[in-house]
C-alpha cells in the first residue's frame, strides 16, 4: 500500500506546471502562464511588481537570451513601466 502512495505523489509532482491549474506558481503578466518563480523577471519599480516570463521577454519583447537570463537586475523596469508592454490588459 505504501508503494502505491509513493508512486501517486511522485506522479503529481511531475506534472507540467503550464498545464496544471492546481500548480501554485507565479503568473506572467503577458501570457498568464503559471511557472516556477525562478522563471520570471520581476519589476523593481516600487508599486509595480509585474512579472514577465523569460520566454515572453525573448520572443515578444526581443530581449536576448543572455539579457533575459540575467534579469532582474536591481534597477530593472518591466515593459509596462517603460511603456513598451504589448499585453491587452
C-alpha atoms as a PDB file:
ATOM      1  CA  UNK A   1       0.000   0.000   0.000  1.00  0.00           C
ATOM      2  CA  UNK A   2       2.822   2.451   0.802  1.00  0.00           C
ATOM      3  CA  UNK A   3       4.425   1.808  -2.590  1.00  0.00           C
ATOM      4  CA  UNK A   4       1.200   2.882  -4.302  1.00  0.00           C
ATOM      5  CA  UNK A   5       1.057   6.104  -2.255  1.00  0.00           C
ATOM      6  CA  UNK A   6       4.657   6.987  -3.148  1.00  0.00           C
ATOM      7  CA  UNK A   7       4.014   6.444  -6.857  1.00  0.00           C
ATOM      8  CA  UNK A   8       0.917   8.643  -6.808  1.00  0.00           C
ATOM      9  CA  UNK A   9       2.655  11.501  -5.010  1.00  0.00           C
ATOM     10  CA  UNK A  10       5.634  11.458  -7.382  1.00  0.00           C
ATOM     11  CA  UNK A  11       3.225  11.470 -10.324  1.00  0.00           C
ATOM     12  CA  UNK A  12       1.559  14.636  -9.044  1.00  0.00           C
ATOM     13  CA  UNK A  13       4.921  16.369  -8.536  1.00  0.00           C
ATOM     14  CA  UNK A  14       5.995  15.658 -12.128  1.00  0.00           C
ATOM     15  CA  UNK A  15       3.015  17.343 -13.784  1.00  0.00           C
ATOM     16  CA  UNK A  16       3.731  20.136 -16.232  1.00  0.00           C
ATOM     17  CA  UNK A  17       3.029  23.426 -14.405  1.00  0.00           C
ATOM     18  CA  UNK A  18       1.798  25.106 -17.596  1.00  0.00           C
ATOM     19  CA  UNK A  19      -0.970  22.527 -17.950  1.00  0.00           C
ATOM     20  CA  UNK A  20      -1.846  22.137 -14.272  1.00  0.00           C
ATOM     21  CA  UNK A  21      -4.361  24.618 -12.852  1.00  0.00           C
ATOM     22  CA  UNK A  22      -3.558  23.436  -9.315  1.00  0.00           C
ATOM     23  CA  UNK A  23       0.120  24.391  -9.697  1.00  0.00           C
ATOM     24  CA  UNK A  24       0.980  27.137  -7.214  1.00  0.00           C
ATOM     25  CA  UNK A  25       3.412  29.148  -9.300  1.00  0.00           C
ATOM     26  CA  UNK A  26       3.771  32.713 -10.442  1.00  0.00           C
ATOM     27  CA  UNK A  27       1.913  34.116 -13.464  1.00  0.00           C
ATOM     28  CA  UNK A  28       3.444  36.025 -16.370  1.00  0.00           C
ATOM     29  CA  UNK A  29       1.906  39.463 -16.974  1.00  0.00           C
ATOM     30  CA  UNK A  30       1.910  38.917 -20.751  1.00  0.00           C
ATOM     31  CA  UNK A  31       0.945  35.274 -21.340  1.00  0.00           C
ATOM     32  CA  UNK A  32      -0.656  34.429 -17.944  1.00  0.00           C
ATOM     33  CA  UNK A  33       1.106  31.044 -17.807  1.00  0.00           C
ATOM     34  CA  UNK A  34       1.945  29.686 -14.397  1.00  0.00           C
ATOM     35  CA  UNK A  35       5.604  28.821 -13.966  1.00  0.00           C
ATOM     36  CA  UNK A  36       8.042  28.454 -11.103  1.00  0.00           C
ATOM     37  CA  UNK A  37       9.252  31.682  -9.504  1.00  0.00           C
ATOM     38  CA  UNK A  38      12.774  31.377 -10.929  1.00  0.00           C
ATOM     39  CA  UNK A  39      11.368  31.509 -14.494  1.00  0.00           C
ATOM     40  CA  UNK A  40      10.402  35.163 -14.133  1.00  0.00           C
ATOM     41  CA  UNK A  41      11.882  38.614 -14.027  1.00  0.00           C
ATOM     42  CA  UNK A  42      10.007  40.753 -11.520  1.00  0.00           C
ATOM     43  CA  UNK A  43       9.855  44.526 -11.980  1.00  0.00           C
ATOM     44  CA  UNK A  44      11.807  46.511  -9.381  1.00  0.00           C
ATOM     45  CA  UNK A  45       9.739  49.705  -9.666  1.00  0.00           C
ATOM     46  CA  UNK A  46       8.005  50.460  -6.365  1.00  0.00           C
ATOM     47  CA  UNK A  47       4.311  49.672  -6.631  1.00  0.00           C
ATOM     48  CA  UNK A  48       4.570  47.666  -9.871  1.00  0.00           C
ATOM     49  CA  UNK A  49       5.830  44.145  -9.186  1.00  0.00           C
ATOM     50  CA  UNK A  50       4.680  42.792 -12.569  1.00  0.00           C
ATOM     51  CA  UNK A  51       6.420  39.607 -13.631  1.00  0.00           C
ATOM     52  CA  UNK A  52       7.380  38.541 -17.123  1.00  0.00           C
ATOM     53  CA  UNK A  53       8.499  35.029 -18.019  1.00  0.00           C
ATOM     54  CA  UNK A  54      11.823  34.723 -19.808  1.00  0.00           C
ATOM     55  CA  UNK A  55      10.116  33.107 -22.811  1.00  0.00           C
ATOM     56  CA  UNK A  56       7.935  36.186 -23.389  1.00  0.00           C
ATOM     57  CA  UNK A  57      10.859  38.532 -22.809  1.00  0.00           C
ATOM     58  CA  UNK A  58      12.857  36.825 -25.562  1.00  0.00           C
ATOM     59  CA  UNK A  59      10.072  36.068 -28.050  1.00  0.00           C
ATOM     60  CA  UNK A  60       7.695  39.028 -27.652  1.00  0.00           C
ATOM     61  CA  UNK A  61       9.916  41.803 -26.325  1.00  0.00           C
ATOM     62  CA  UNK A  62      13.074  40.805 -28.245  1.00  0.00           C
ATOM     63  CA  UNK A  63      15.390  40.568 -25.242  1.00  0.00           C
ATOM     64  CA  UNK A  64      18.470  38.469 -25.953  1.00  0.00           C
ATOM     65  CA  UNK A  65      18.514  35.135 -24.134  1.00  0.00           C
ATOM     66  CA  UNK A  66      21.591  36.277 -22.238  1.00  0.00           C
ATOM     67  CA  UNK A  67      19.940  39.505 -21.089  1.00  0.00           C
ATOM     68  CA  UNK A  68      16.726  37.698 -20.107  1.00  0.00           C
ATOM     69  CA  UNK A  69      18.721  35.152 -18.098  1.00  0.00           C
ATOM     70  CA  UNK A  70      20.436  37.957 -16.162  1.00  0.00           C
ATOM     71  CA  UNK A  71      17.170  39.678 -15.186  1.00  0.00           C
ATOM     72  CA  UNK A  72      16.009  41.074 -12.911  1.00  0.00           C
ATOM     73  CA  UNK A  73      18.825  43.490 -12.181  1.00  0.00           C
ATOM     74  CA  UNK A  74      18.416  45.702  -9.102  1.00  0.00           C
ATOM     75  CA  UNK A  75      17.027  48.621 -11.159  1.00  0.00           C
ATOM     76  CA  UNK A  76      15.126  46.669 -13.856  1.00  0.00           C
ATOM     77  CA  UNK A  77      11.945  48.286 -15.181  1.00  0.00           C
ATOM     78  CA  UNK A  78       9.463  45.977 -16.869  1.00  0.00           C
ATOM     79  CA  UNK A  79       7.998  46.642 -20.341  1.00  0.00           C
ATOM     80  CA  UNK A  80       4.850  48.006 -18.708  1.00  0.00           C
ATOM     81  CA  UNK A  81       6.778  50.642 -16.733  1.00  0.00           C
ATOM     82  CA  UNK A  82       8.760  51.663 -19.822  1.00  0.00           C
ATOM     83  CA  UNK A  83       5.531  51.979 -21.863  1.00  0.00           C
ATOM     84  CA  UNK A  84       6.524  49.105 -24.172  1.00  0.00           C
ATOM     85  CA  UNK A  85       4.073  46.496 -22.917  1.00  0.00           C
ATOM     86  CA  UNK A  86       2.301  44.514 -25.611  1.00  0.00           C
ATOM     87  CA  UNK A  87      -0.366  42.984 -23.395  1.00  0.00           C
ATOM     88  CA  UNK A  88      -4.071  43.651 -23.773  1.00  0.00           C
ATOM     89  CA  UNK A  89      -4.688  44.180 -20.043  1.00  0.00           C
END
